[in-house]
Amino acid sequence: MLTSEDKKFLAETFATNKGLVEVKVDVANLQKDVTELKVESSLLQQTVQRLEQNMERAEGKIDKVLVMLDGFTGKVADLDQENKMGSITLHRHDIQIHELATATGTTISE
C-alpha cells in the first residue's frame, strides 16, 4: 500500500514530467480524432444510403425507358415491314401499268 509520502512523490514526479503531459495531450488528440472519424463514418454511411436510393430510382426509370424503347422498336419493325410490302406492291403495280400500256398502245409519261 502506498503511503501519503509515496503518493505525494508520485504526484509531484508525474505531474511535472513533461513526457506525461505530452502523453495526456496525445491521448486527448487521439480521442478527438476517433470522435471525428465516427462522425465522418456516420456521414459516409448516410451518403452511401442516399446513393443507393438514387440508384434504385434511376434503375426504375431506366426500366420504364427500356419498356418504351421495346414498344418503339416493335412499331419501327412493323413500319419497316409495311414499307417493304408497300414497295413490292408498288413495283408490281408499276409492272402491271407498263404491261397494260404496252398492250393497249398507250404512252406513259414518266
PDB file of N, CA and C in Angstrom:
ATOM      1  N   MET A   1       0.839  -1.156   0.000  1.00  0.00           N
ATOM      2  CA  MET A   1       0.000   0.000   0.000  1.00  0.00           C
ATOM      3  C   MET A   1       0.894   1.232   0.000  1.00  0.00           C
ATOM      4  N   LEU A   2       0.390   2.248  -0.704  1.00  0.00           N
ATOM      5  CA  LEU A   2       1.174   3.472  -0.807  1.00  0.00           C
ATOM      6  C   LEU A   2       0.920   4.369   0.401  1.00  0.00           C
ATOM      7  N   THR A   3       1.995   4.918   0.847  1.00  0.00           N
ATOM      8  CA  THR A   3       1.875   5.874   1.951  1.00  0.00           C
ATOM      9  C   THR A   3       1.568   7.240   1.361  1.00  0.00           C
ATOM     10  N   SER A   4       1.248   8.168   2.223  1.00  0.00           N
ATOM     11  CA  SER A   4       0.949   9.514   1.748  1.00  0.00           C
ATOM     12  C   SER A   4       2.187  10.157   1.151  1.00  0.00           C
ATOM     13  N   GLU A   5       3.375   9.827   1.671  1.00  0.00           N
ATOM     14  CA  GLU A   5       4.608  10.358   1.094  1.00  0.00           C
ATOM     15  C   GLU A   5       4.845   9.806  -0.307  1.00  0.00           C
ATOM     16  N   ASP A   6       4.548   8.496  -0.480  1.00  0.00           N
ATOM     17  CA  ASP A   6       4.696   7.887  -1.809  1.00  0.00           C
ATOM     18  C   ASP A   6       3.738   8.546  -2.808  1.00  0.00           C
ATOM     19  N   LYS A   7       2.524   8.755  -2.396  1.00  0.00           N
ATOM     20  CA  LYS A   7       1.544   9.399  -3.267  1.00  0.00           C
ATOM     21  C   LYS A   7       1.982  10.799  -3.643  1.00  0.00           C
ATOM     22  N   LYS A   8       2.512  11.539  -2.629  1.00  0.00           N
ATOM     23  CA  LYS A   8       2.979  12.890  -2.878  1.00  0.00           C
ATOM     24  C   LYS A   8       4.134  12.870  -3.874  1.00  0.00           C
ATOM     25  N   PHE A   9       5.070  11.933  -3.696  1.00  0.00           N
ATOM     26  CA  PHE A   9       6.223  11.813  -4.597  1.00  0.00           C
ATOM     27  C   PHE A   9       5.770  11.497  -6.022  1.00  0.00           C
ATOM     28  N   LEU A  10       4.871  10.546  -6.142  1.00  0.00           N
ATOM     29  CA  LEU A  10       4.369  10.159  -7.466  1.00  0.00           C
ATOM     30  C   LEU A  10       3.633  11.319  -8.134  1.00  0.00           C
ATOM     31  N   ALA A  11       2.822  12.041  -7.355  1.00  0.00           N
ATOM     32  CA  ALA A  11       2.068  13.163  -7.912  1.00  0.00           C
ATOM     33  C   ALA A  11       3.005  14.255  -8.384  1.00  0.00           C
ATOM     34  N   GLU A  12       4.002  14.568  -7.596  1.00  0.00           N
ATOM     35  CA  GLU A  12       4.943  15.611  -7.974  1.00  0.00           C
ATOM     36  C   GLU A  12       5.798  15.190  -9.161  1.00  0.00           C
ATOM     37  N   THR A  13       6.219  13.948  -9.171  1.00  0.00           N
ATOM     38  CA  THR A  13       7.098  13.463 -10.235  1.00  0.00           C
ATOM     39  C   THR A  13       6.357  13.406 -11.561  1.00  0.00           C
ATOM     40  N   PHE A  14       5.203  12.822 -11.553  1.00  0.00           N
ATOM     41  CA  PHE A  14       4.491  12.636 -12.818  1.00  0.00           C
ATOM     42  C   PHE A  14       3.701  13.869 -13.239  1.00  0.00           C
ATOM     43  N   ALA A  15       3.296  14.707 -12.306  1.00  0.00           N
ATOM     44  CA  ALA A  15       2.564  15.919 -12.659  1.00  0.00           C
ATOM     45  C   ALA A  15       3.476  16.926 -13.332  1.00  0.00           C
ATOM     46  N   THR A  16       4.730  16.931 -12.998  1.00  0.00           N
ATOM     47  CA  THR A  16       5.678  17.870 -13.589  1.00  0.00           C
ATOM     48  C   THR A  16       6.456  17.251 -14.734  1.00  0.00           C
ATOM     49  N   ASN A  17       6.270  15.972 -14.944  1.00  0.00           N
ATOM     50  CA  ASN A  17       7.001  15.278 -16.008  1.00  0.00           C
ATOM     51  C   ASN A  17       6.436  15.712 -17.359  1.00  0.00           C
ATOM     52  N   LYS A  18       7.299  16.305 -18.181  1.00  0.00           N
ATOM     53  CA  LYS A  18       6.895  16.810 -19.496  1.00  0.00           C
ATOM     54  C   LYS A  18       6.395  15.679 -20.402  1.00  0.00           C
ATOM     55  N   GLY A  19       7.018  14.520 -20.324  1.00  0.00           N
ATOM     56  CA  GLY A  19       6.623  13.373 -21.140  1.00  0.00           C
ATOM     57  C   GLY A  19       5.213  12.926 -20.842  1.00  0.00           C
ATOM     58  N   LEU A  20       4.837  12.930 -19.559  1.00  0.00           N
ATOM     59  CA  LEU A  20       3.489  12.523 -19.177  1.00  0.00           C
ATOM     60  C   LEU A  20       2.454  13.526 -19.676  1.00  0.00           C
ATOM     61  N   VAL A  21       2.776  14.804 -19.617  1.00  0.00           N
ATOM     62  CA  VAL A  21       1.865  15.830 -20.118  1.00  0.00           C
ATOM     63  C   VAL A  21       1.675  15.653 -21.622  1.00  0.00           C
ATOM     64  N   GLU A  22       2.748  15.361 -22.336  1.00  0.00           N
ATOM     65  CA  GLU A  22       2.652  15.140 -23.785  1.00  0.00           C
ATOM     66  C   GLU A  22       1.804  13.914 -24.091  1.00  0.00           C
ATOM     67  N   VAL A  23       1.949  12.882 -23.265  1.00  0.00           N
ATOM     68  CA  VAL A  23       1.137  11.675 -23.465  1.00  0.00           C
ATOM     69  C   VAL A  23      -0.336  11.999 -23.258  1.00  0.00           C
ATOM     70  N   LYS A  24      -0.630  12.800 -22.233  1.00  0.00           N
ATOM     71  CA  LYS A  24      -2.023  13.188 -21.984  1.00  0.00           C
ATOM     72  C   LYS A  24      -2.576  13.959 -23.177  1.00  0.00           C
ATOM     73  N   VAL A  25      -1.768  14.863 -23.732  1.00  0.00           N
ATOM     74  CA  VAL A  25      -2.193  15.648 -24.891  1.00  0.00           C
ATOM     75  C   VAL A  25      -2.410  14.722 -26.090  1.00  0.00           C
ATOM     76  N   ASP A  26      -1.479  13.772 -26.283  1.00  0.00           N
ATOM     77  CA  ASP A  26      -1.612  12.826 -27.393  1.00  0.00           C
ATOM     78  C   ASP A  26      -2.874  11.980 -27.251  1.00  0.00           C
ATOM     79  N   VAL A  27      -3.158  11.536 -26.024  1.00  0.00           N
ATOM     80  CA  VAL A  27      -4.366  10.739 -25.785  1.00  0.00           C
ATOM     81  C   VAL A  27      -5.610  11.579 -26.069  1.00  0.00           C
ATOM     82  N   ALA A  28      -5.592  12.827 -25.631  1.00  0.00           N
ATOM     83  CA  ALA A  28      -6.739  13.710 -25.887  1.00  0.00           C
ATOM     84  C   ALA A  28      -6.920  13.917 -27.386  1.00  0.00           C
ATOM     85  N   ASN A  29      -5.818  14.106 -28.103  1.00  0.00           N
ATOM     86  CA  ASN A  29      -5.896  14.275 -29.564  1.00  0.00           C
ATOM     87  C   ASN A  29      -6.422  13.012 -30.238  1.00  0.00           C
ATOM     88  N   LEU A  30      -5.985  11.861 -29.749  1.00  0.00           N
ATOM     89  CA  LEU A  30      -6.480  10.593 -30.311  1.00  0.00           C
ATOM     90  C   LEU A  30      -7.973  10.439 -30.072  1.00  0.00           C
ATOM     91  N   GLN A  31      -8.428  10.807 -28.876  1.00  0.00           N
ATOM     92  CA  GLN A  31      -9.858  10.719 -28.590  1.00  0.00           C
ATOM     93  C   GLN A  31     -10.646  11.640 -29.523  1.00  0.00           C
ATOM     94  N   LYS A  32     -10.098  12.831 -29.749  1.00  0.00           N
ATOM     95  CA  LYS A  32     -10.742  13.773 -30.668  1.00  0.00           C
ATOM     96  C   LYS A  32     -10.775  13.202 -32.081  1.00  0.00           C
ATOM     97  N   ASP A  33      -9.667  12.617 -32.521  1.00  0.00           N
ATOM     98  CA  ASP A  33      -9.603  12.027 -33.865  1.00  0.00           C
ATOM     99  C   ASP A  33     -10.591  10.874 -34.017  1.00  0.00           C
ATOM    100  N   VAL A  34     -10.700  10.037 -32.987  1.00  0.00           N
ATOM    101  CA  VAL A  34     -11.636   8.907 -33.040  1.00  0.00           C
ATOM    102  C   VAL A  34     -13.070   9.425 -33.129  1.00  0.00           C
ATOM    103  N   THR A  35     -13.378  10.469 -32.376  1.00  0.00           N
ATOM    104  CA  THR A  35     -14.723  11.050 -32.429  1.00  0.00           C
ATOM    105  C   THR A  35     -15.011  11.601 -33.820  1.00  0.00           C
ATOM    106  N   GLU A  36     -14.038  12.300 -34.396  1.00  0.00           N
ATOM    107  CA  GLU A  36     -14.216  12.840 -35.745  1.00  0.00           C
ATOM    108  C   GLU A  36     -14.398  11.723 -36.762  1.00  0.00           C
ATOM    109  N   LEU A  37     -13.636  10.641 -36.606  1.00  0.00           N
ATOM    110  CA  LEU A  37     -13.764   9.503 -37.527  1.00  0.00           C
ATOM    111  C   LEU A  37     -15.141   8.859 -37.416  1.00  0.00           C
ATOM    112  N   LYS A  38     -15.666   8.779 -36.207  1.00  0.00           N
ATOM    113  CA  LYS A  38     -17.004   8.219 -36.025  1.00  0.00           C
ATOM    114  C   LYS A  38     -18.046   9.083 -36.731  1.00  0.00           C
ATOM    115  N   VAL A  39     -17.908  10.407 -36.598  1.00  0.00           N
ATOM    116  CA  VAL A  39     -18.847  11.329 -37.254  1.00  0.00           C
ATOM    117  C   VAL A  39     -18.722  11.200 -38.765  1.00  0.00           C
ATOM    118  N   GLU A  40     -17.490  11.180 -39.267  1.00  0.00           N
ATOM    119  CA  GLU A  40     -17.273  11.052 -40.706  1.00  0.00           C
ATOM    120  C   GLU A  40     -17.795   9.713 -41.223  1.00  0.00           C
ATOM    121  N   SER A  41     -17.614   8.656 -40.441  1.00  0.00           N
ATOM    122  CA  SER A  41     -18.123   7.339 -40.833  1.00  0.00           C
ATOM    123  C   SER A  41     -19.639   7.362 -40.929  1.00  0.00           C
ATOM    124  N   SER A  42     -20.279   8.012 -39.964  1.00  0.00           N
ATOM    125  CA  SER A  42     -21.739   8.123 -39.985  1.00  0.00           C
ATOM    126  C   SER A  42     -22.206   8.906 -41.211  1.00  0.00           C
ATOM    127  N   LEU A  43     -21.524  10.015 -41.513  1.00  0.00           N
ATOM    128  CA  LEU A  43     -21.877  10.805 -42.695  1.00  0.00           C
ATOM    129  C   LEU A  43     -21.667  10.008 -43.971  1.00  0.00           C
ATOM    130  N   LEU A  44     -20.598   9.243 -44.014  1.00  0.00           N
ATOM    131  CA  LEU A  44     -20.322   8.408 -45.182  1.00  0.00           C
ATOM    132  C   LEU A  44     -21.404   7.348 -45.364  1.00  0.00           C
ATOM    133  N   GLN A  45     -21.840   6.746 -44.266  1.00  0.00           N
ATOM    134  CA  GLN A  45     -22.909   5.748 -44.352  1.00  0.00           C
ATOM    135  C   GLN A  45     -24.197   6.376 -44.867  1.00  0.00           C
ATOM    136  N   GLN A  46     -24.506   7.585 -44.407  1.00  0.00           N
ATOM    137  CA  GLN A  46     -25.705   8.272 -44.889  1.00  0.00           C
ATOM    138  C   GLN A  46     -25.591   8.583 -46.371  1.00  0.00           C
ATOM    139  N   THR A  47     -24.406   8.997 -46.800  1.00  0.00           N
ATOM    140  CA  THR A  47     -24.193   9.304 -48.216  1.00  0.00           C
ATOM    141  C   THR A  47     -24.361   8.052 -49.063  1.00  0.00           C
ATOM    142  N   VAL A  48     -23.812   6.945 -48.602  1.00  0.00           N
ATOM    143  CA  VAL A  48     -23.934   5.679 -49.338  1.00  0.00           C
ATOM    144  C   VAL A  48     -25.398   5.264 -49.430  1.00  0.00           C
ATOM    145  N   GLN A  49     -26.138   5.423 -48.349  1.00  0.00           N
ATOM    146  CA  GLN A  49     -27.561   5.073 -48.375  1.00  0.00           C
ATOM    147  C   GLN A  49     -28.326   5.942 -49.364  1.00  0.00           C
ATOM    148  N   ARG A  50     -28.023   7.259 -49.397  1.00  0.00           N
ATOM    149  CA  ARG A  50     -28.688   8.135 -50.366  1.00  0.00           C
ATOM    150  C   ARG A  50     -28.337   7.733 -51.792  1.00  0.00           C
ATOM    151  N   LEU A  51     -27.059   7.394 -52.016  1.00  0.00           N
ATOM    152  CA  LEU A  51     -26.651   6.960 -53.356  1.00  0.00           C
ATOM    153  C   LEU A  51     -27.374   5.680 -53.761  1.00  0.00           C
ATOM    154  N   GLU A  52     -27.510   4.750 -52.836  1.00  0.00           N
ATOM    155  CA  GLU A  52     -28.229   3.501 -53.144  1.00  0.00           C
ATOM    156  C   GLU A  52     -29.686   3.792 -53.488  1.00  0.00           C
ATOM    157  N   GLN A  53     -30.314   4.701 -52.747  1.00  0.00           N
ATOM    158  CA  GLN A  53     -31.706   5.052 -53.026  1.00  0.00           C
ATOM    159  C   GLN A  53     -31.824   5.723 -54.392  1.00  0.00           C
ATOM    160  N   ASN A  54     -30.893   6.611 -54.696  1.00  0.00           N
ATOM    161  CA  ASN A  54     -30.907   7.270 -56.005  1.00  0.00           C
ATOM    162  C   ASN A  54     -30.699   6.264 -57.123  1.00  0.00           C
ATOM    163  N   MET A  55     -29.822   5.290 -56.895  1.00  0.00           N
ATOM    164  CA  MET A  55     -29.581   4.267 -57.920  1.00  0.00           C
ATOM    165  C   MET A  55     -30.835   3.433 -58.152  1.00  0.00           C
ATOM    166  N   GLU A  56     -31.550   3.100 -57.070  1.00  0.00           N
ATOM    167  CA  GLU A  56     -32.783   2.326 -57.215  1.00  0.00           C
ATOM    168  C   GLU A  56     -33.815   3.104 -58.025  1.00  0.00           C
ATOM    169  N   ARG A  57     -33.933   4.420 -57.735  1.00  0.00           N
ATOM    170  CA  ARG A  57     -34.883   5.244 -58.503  1.00  0.00           C
ATOM    171  C   ARG A  57     -34.459   5.320 -59.966  1.00  0.00           C
ATOM    172  N   ALA A  58     -33.157   5.486 -60.199  1.00  0.00           N
ATOM    173  CA  ALA A  58     -32.656   5.569 -61.577  1.00  0.00           C
ATOM    174  C   ALA A  58     -32.891   4.255 -62.307  1.00  0.00           C
ATOM    175  N   GLU A  59     -32.684   3.122 -61.628  1.00  0.00           N
ATOM    176  CA  GLU A  59     -32.924   1.820 -62.258  1.00  0.00           C
ATOM    177  C   GLU A  59     -34.390   1.673 -62.637  1.00  0.00           C
ATOM    178  N   GLY A  60     -35.277   2.157 -61.774  1.00  0.00           N
ATOM    179  CA  GLY A  60     -36.713   2.097 -62.086  1.00  0.00           C
ATOM    180  C   GLY A  60     -37.040   2.930 -63.315  1.00  0.00           C
ATOM    181  N   LYS A  61     -36.451   4.118 -63.386  1.00  0.00           N
ATOM    182  CA  LYS A  61     -36.693   4.977 -64.549  1.00  0.00           C
ATOM    183  C   LYS A  61     -36.101   4.364 -65.807  1.00  0.00           C
ATOM    184  N   ILE A  62     -34.934   3.770 -65.693  1.00  0.00           N
ATOM    185  CA  ILE A  62     -34.296   3.125 -66.849  1.00  0.00           C
ATOM    186  C   ILE A  62     -35.151   1.963 -67.336  1.00  0.00           C
ATOM    187  N   ASP A  63     -35.714   1.203 -66.393  1.00  0.00           N
ATOM    188  CA  ASP A  63     -36.587   0.098 -66.785  1.00  0.00           C
ATOM    189  C   ASP A  63     -37.796   0.616 -67.581  1.00  0.00           C
ATOM    190  N   LYS A  64     -38.374   1.731 -67.126  1.00  0.00           N
ATOM    191  CA  LYS A  64     -39.517   2.306 -67.849  1.00  0.00           C
ATOM    192  C   LYS A  64     -39.113   2.728 -69.258  1.00  0.00           C
ATOM    193  N   VAL A  65     -37.940   3.357 -69.365  1.00  0.00           N
ATOM    194  CA  VAL A  65     -37.459   3.794 -70.683  1.00  0.00           C
ATOM    195  C   VAL A  65     -37.223   2.587 -71.588  1.00  0.00           C
ATOM    196  N   LEU A  66     -36.654   1.525 -71.027  1.00  0.00           N
ATOM    197  CA  LEU A  66     -36.405   0.317 -71.834  1.00  0.00           C
ATOM    198  C   LEU A  66     -37.708  -0.291 -72.328  1.00  0.00           C
ATOM    199  N   VAL A  67     -38.735  -0.294 -71.492  1.00  0.00           N
ATOM    200  CA  VAL A  67     -40.041  -0.815 -71.921  1.00  0.00           C
ATOM    201  C   VAL A  67     -40.583   0.036 -73.063  1.00  0.00           C
ATOM    202  N   MET A  68     -40.450   1.370 -72.936  1.00  0.00           N
ATOM    203  CA  MET A  68     -40.907   2.256 -74.008  1.00  0.00           C
ATOM    204  C   MET A  68     -40.113   2.004 -75.289  1.00  0.00           C
ATOM    205  N   LEU A  69     -38.805   1.837 -75.161  1.00  0.00           N
ATOM    206  CA  LEU A  69     -37.978   1.585 -76.339  1.00  0.00           C
ATOM    207  C   LEU A  69     -38.340   0.261 -77.001  1.00  0.00           C
ATOM    208  N   ASP A  70     -38.653  -0.742 -76.195  1.00  0.00           N
ATOM    209  CA  ASP A  70     -39.083  -2.015 -76.770  1.00  0.00           C
ATOM    210  C   ASP A  70     -40.358  -1.822 -77.595  1.00  0.00           C
ATOM    211  N   GLY A  71     -41.280  -1.011 -77.070  1.00  0.00           N
ATOM    212  CA  GLY A  71     -42.506  -0.727 -77.817  1.00  0.00           C
ATOM    213  C   GLY A  71     -42.217   0.000 -79.117  1.00  0.00           C
ATOM    214  N   PHE A  72     -41.325   1.000 -79.055  1.00  0.00           N
ATOM    215  CA  PHE A  72     -40.951   1.732 -80.270  1.00  0.00           C
ATOM    216  C   PHE A  72     -40.259   0.822 -81.265  1.00  0.00           C
ATOM    217  N   THR A  73     -39.411  -0.067 -80.756  1.00  0.00           N
ATOM    218  CA  THR A  73     -38.701  -0.997 -81.644  1.00  0.00           C
ATOM    219  C   THR A  73     -39.699  -1.877 -82.390  1.00  0.00           C
ATOM    220  N   GLY A  74     -40.708  -2.349 -81.674  1.00  0.00           N
ATOM    221  CA  GLY A  74     -41.749  -3.156 -82.325  1.00  0.00           C
ATOM    222  C   GLY A  74     -42.498  -2.369 -83.372  1.00  0.00           C
ATOM    223  N   LYS A  75     -42.816  -1.114 -83.060  1.00  0.00           N
ATOM    224  CA  LYS A  75     -43.547  -0.270 -84.016  1.00  0.00           C
ATOM    225  C   LYS A  75     -42.683   0.017 -85.244  1.00  0.00           C
ATOM    226  N   VAL A  76     -41.405   0.276 -85.018  1.00  0.00           N
ATOM    227  CA  VAL A  76     -40.499   0.543 -86.135  1.00  0.00           C
ATOM    228  C   VAL A  76     -40.368  -0.697 -87.010  1.00  0.00           C
ATOM    229  N   ALA A  77     -40.272  -1.865 -86.382  1.00  0.00           N
ATOM    230  CA  ALA A  77     -40.179  -3.107 -87.158  1.00  0.00           C
ATOM    231  C   ALA A  77     -41.447  -3.308 -87.988  1.00  0.00           C
ATOM    232  N   ASP A  78     -42.615  -3.013 -87.400  1.00  0.00           N
ATOM    233  CA  ASP A  78     -43.869  -3.133 -88.140  1.00  0.00           C
ATOM    234  C   ASP A  78     -43.897  -2.169 -89.329  1.00  0.00           C
ATOM    235  N   LEU A  79     -43.472  -0.919 -89.088  1.00  0.00           N
ATOM    236  CA  LEU A  79     -43.439   0.067 -90.172  1.00  0.00           C
ATOM    237  C   LEU A  79     -42.451  -0.329 -91.261  1.00  0.00           C
ATOM    238  N   ASP A  80     -41.320  -0.873 -90.876  1.00  0.00           N
ATOM    239  CA  ASP A  80     -40.322  -1.323 -91.838  1.00  0.00           C
ATOM    240  C   ASP A  80     -40.899  -2.436 -92.713  1.00  0.00           C
ATOM    241  N   GLN A  81     -41.571  -3.389 -92.074  1.00  0.00           N
ATOM    242  CA  GLN A  81     -42.192  -4.482 -92.825  1.00  0.00           C
ATOM    243  C   GLN A  81     -43.270  -3.937 -93.755  1.00  0.00           C
ATOM    244  N   GLU A  82     -44.051  -2.984 -93.255  1.00  0.00           N
ATOM    245  CA  GLU A  82     -45.103  -2.392 -94.076  1.00  0.00           C
ATOM    246  C   GLU A  82     -44.502  -1.651 -95.274  1.00  0.00           C
ATOM    247  N   ASN A  83     -43.406  -0.949 -95.063  1.00  0.00           N
ATOM    248  CA  ASN A  83     -42.743  -0.239 -96.161  1.00  0.00           C
ATOM    249  C   ASN A  83     -42.202  -1.214 -97.204  1.00  0.00           C
ATOM    250  N   LYS A  84     -41.640  -2.310 -96.770  1.00  0.00           N
ATOM    251  CA  LYS A  84     -41.128  -3.311 -97.717  1.00  0.00           C
ATOM    252  C   LYS A  84     -42.276  -3.888 -98.544  1.00  0.00           C
ATOM    253  N   MET A  85     -43.371  -4.213 -97.871  1.00  0.00           N
ATOM    254  CA  MET A  85     -44.510  -4.770 -98.591  1.00  0.00           C
ATOM    255  C   MET A  85     -45.094  -3.737 -99.547  1.00  0.00           C
ATOM    256  N   GLY A  86     -45.157  -2.472 -99.106  1.00  0.00           N
ATOM    257  CA  GLY A  86     -45.662  -1.413 -99.972  1.00  0.00           C
ATOM    258  C   GLY A  86     -44.765  -1.220-101.188  1.00  0.00           C
ATOM    259  N   SER A  87     -43.461  -1.333-100.989  1.00  0.00           N
ATOM    260  CA  SER A  87     -42.525  -1.197-102.102  1.00  0.00           C
ATOM    261  C   SER A  87     -42.714  -2.317-103.114  1.00  0.00           C
ATOM    262  N   ILE A  88     -42.882  -3.526-102.607  1.00  0.00           N
ATOM    263  CA  ILE A  88     -43.103  -4.677-103.505  1.00  0.00           C
ATOM    264  C   ILE A  88     -44.414  -4.485-104.272  1.00  0.00           C
ATOM    265  N   THR A  89     -45.454  -4.060-103.569  1.00  0.00           N
ATOM    266  CA  THR A  89     -46.756  -3.839-104.217  1.00  0.00           C
ATOM    267  C   THR A  89     -46.651  -2.737-105.266  1.00  0.00           C
ATOM    268  N   LEU A  90     -45.956  -1.647-104.941  1.00  0.00           N
ATOM    269  CA  LEU A  90     -45.777  -0.556-105.892  1.00  0.00           C
ATOM    270  C   LEU A  90     -45.029  -1.033-107.125  1.00  0.00           C
ATOM    271  N   HIS A  91     -44.011  -1.848-106.940  1.00  0.00           N
ATOM    272  CA  HIS A  91     -43.252  -2.382-108.068  1.00  0.00           C
ATOM    273  C   HIS A  91     -44.157  -3.247-108.951  1.00  0.00           C
ATOM    274  N   ARG A  92     -44.979  -4.094-108.328  1.00  0.00           N
ATOM    275  CA  ARG A  92     -45.899  -4.944-109.100  1.00  0.00           C
ATOM    276  C   ARG A  92     -46.893  -4.086-109.877  1.00  0.00           C
ATOM    277  N   HIS A  93     -47.408  -3.055-109.254  1.00  0.00           N
ATOM    278  CA  HIS A  93     -48.362  -2.173-109.946  1.00  0.00           C
ATOM    279  C   HIS A  93     -47.690  -1.464-111.119  1.00  0.00           C
ATOM    280  N   ASP A  94     -46.434  -1.055-110.916  1.00  0.00           N
ATOM    281  CA  ASP A  94     -45.692  -0.394-111.995  1.00  0.00           C
ATOM    282  C   ASP A  94     -45.549  -1.334-113.194  1.00  0.00           C
ATOM    283  N   ILE A  95     -45.214  -2.579-112.908  1.00  0.00           N
ATOM    284  CA  ILE A  95     -45.090  -3.575-113.996  1.00  0.00           C
ATOM    285  C   ILE A  95     -46.433  -3.765-114.690  1.00  0.00           C
ATOM    286  N   GLN A  96     -47.510  -3.896-113.906  1.00  0.00           N
ATOM    287  CA  GLN A  96     -48.834  -4.098-114.493  1.00  0.00           C
ATOM    288  C   GLN A  96     -49.254  -2.894-115.343  1.00  0.00           C
ATOM    289  N   ILE A  97     -48.937  -1.701-114.881  1.00  0.00           N
ATOM    290  CA  ILE A  97     -49.292  -0.491-115.648  1.00  0.00           C
ATOM    291  C   ILE A  97     -48.530  -0.470-116.969  1.00  0.00           C
ATOM    292  N   HIS A  98     -47.219  -0.796-116.923  1.00  0.00           N
ATOM    293  CA  HIS A  98     -46.431  -0.824-118.160  1.00  0.00           C
ATOM    294  C   HIS A  98     -46.952  -1.899-119.120  1.00  0.00           C
ATOM    295  N   GLU A  99     -47.307  -3.062-118.600  1.00  0.00           N
ATOM    296  CA  GLU A  99     -47.841  -4.134-119.451  1.00  0.00           C
ATOM    297  C   GLU A  99     -49.177  -3.712-120.069  1.00  0.00           C
ATOM    298  N   LEU A 100     -50.026  -3.085-119.245  1.00  0.00           N
ATOM    299  CA  LEU A 100     -51.318  -2.632-119.745  1.00  0.00           C
ATOM    300  C   LEU A 100     -51.137  -1.543-120.800  1.00  0.00           C
ATOM    301  N   ALA A 101     -50.200  -0.630-120.580  1.00  0.00           N
ATOM    302  CA  ALA A 101     -49.941   0.438-121.549  1.00  0.00           C
ATOM    303  C   ALA A 101     -49.405  -0.148-122.842  1.00  0.00           C
ATOM    304  N   THR A 102     -48.499  -1.136-122.743  1.00  0.00           N
ATOM    305  CA  THR A 102     -47.948  -1.775-123.941  1.00  0.00           C
ATOM    306  C   THR A 102     -49.059  -2.499-124.693  1.00  0.00           C
ATOM    307  N   ALA A 103     -49.917  -3.201-123.960  1.00  0.00           N
ATOM    308  CA  ALA A 103     -50.984  -3.978-124.591  1.00  0.00           C
ATOM    309  C   ALA A 103     -52.000  -3.061-125.284  1.00  0.00           C
ATOM    310  N   THR A 104     -52.247  -1.911-124.716  1.00  0.00           N
ATOM    311  CA  THR A 104     -53.250  -1.017-125.291  1.00  0.00           C
ATOM    312  C   THR A 104     -52.618   0.038-126.198  1.00  0.00           C
ATOM    313  N   GLY A 105     -51.291   0.101-126.241  1.00  0.00           N
ATOM    314  CA  GLY A 105     -50.599   1.053-127.087  1.00  0.00           C
ATOM    315  C   GLY A 105     -50.630   2.466-126.522  1.00  0.00           C
ATOM    316  N   THR A 106     -50.791   2.585-125.237  1.00  0.00           N
ATOM    317  CA  THR A 106     -50.847   3.894-124.574  1.00  0.00           C
ATOM    318  C   THR A 106     -49.437   4.302-124.161  1.00  0.00           C
ATOM    319  N   THR A 107     -49.182   5.629-124.294  1.00  0.00           N
ATOM    320  CA  THR A 107     -47.896   6.156-123.887  1.00  0.00           C
ATOM    321  C   THR A 107     -47.989   6.613-122.427  1.00  0.00           C
ATOM    322  N   ILE A 108     -46.985   6.230-121.634  1.00  0.00           N
ATOM    323  CA  ILE A 108     -46.955   6.604-120.200  1.00  0.00           C
ATOM    324  C   ILE A 108     -45.945   7.717-120.025  1.00  0.00           C
ATOM    325  N   SER A 109     -46.371   8.768-119.397  1.00  0.00           N
ATOM    326  CA  SER A 109     -45.416   9.847-119.098  1.00  0.00           C
ATOM    327  C   SER A 109     -44.661   9.473-117.818  1.00  0.00           C
ATOM    328  N   GLU A 110     -43.391   9.696-117.854  1.00  0.00           N
ATOM    329  CA  GLU A 110     -42.538   9.300-116.726  1.00  0.00           C
ATOM    330  C   GLU A 110     -42.354  10.404-115.751  1.00  0.00           C
TER     331      GLU A 110
END
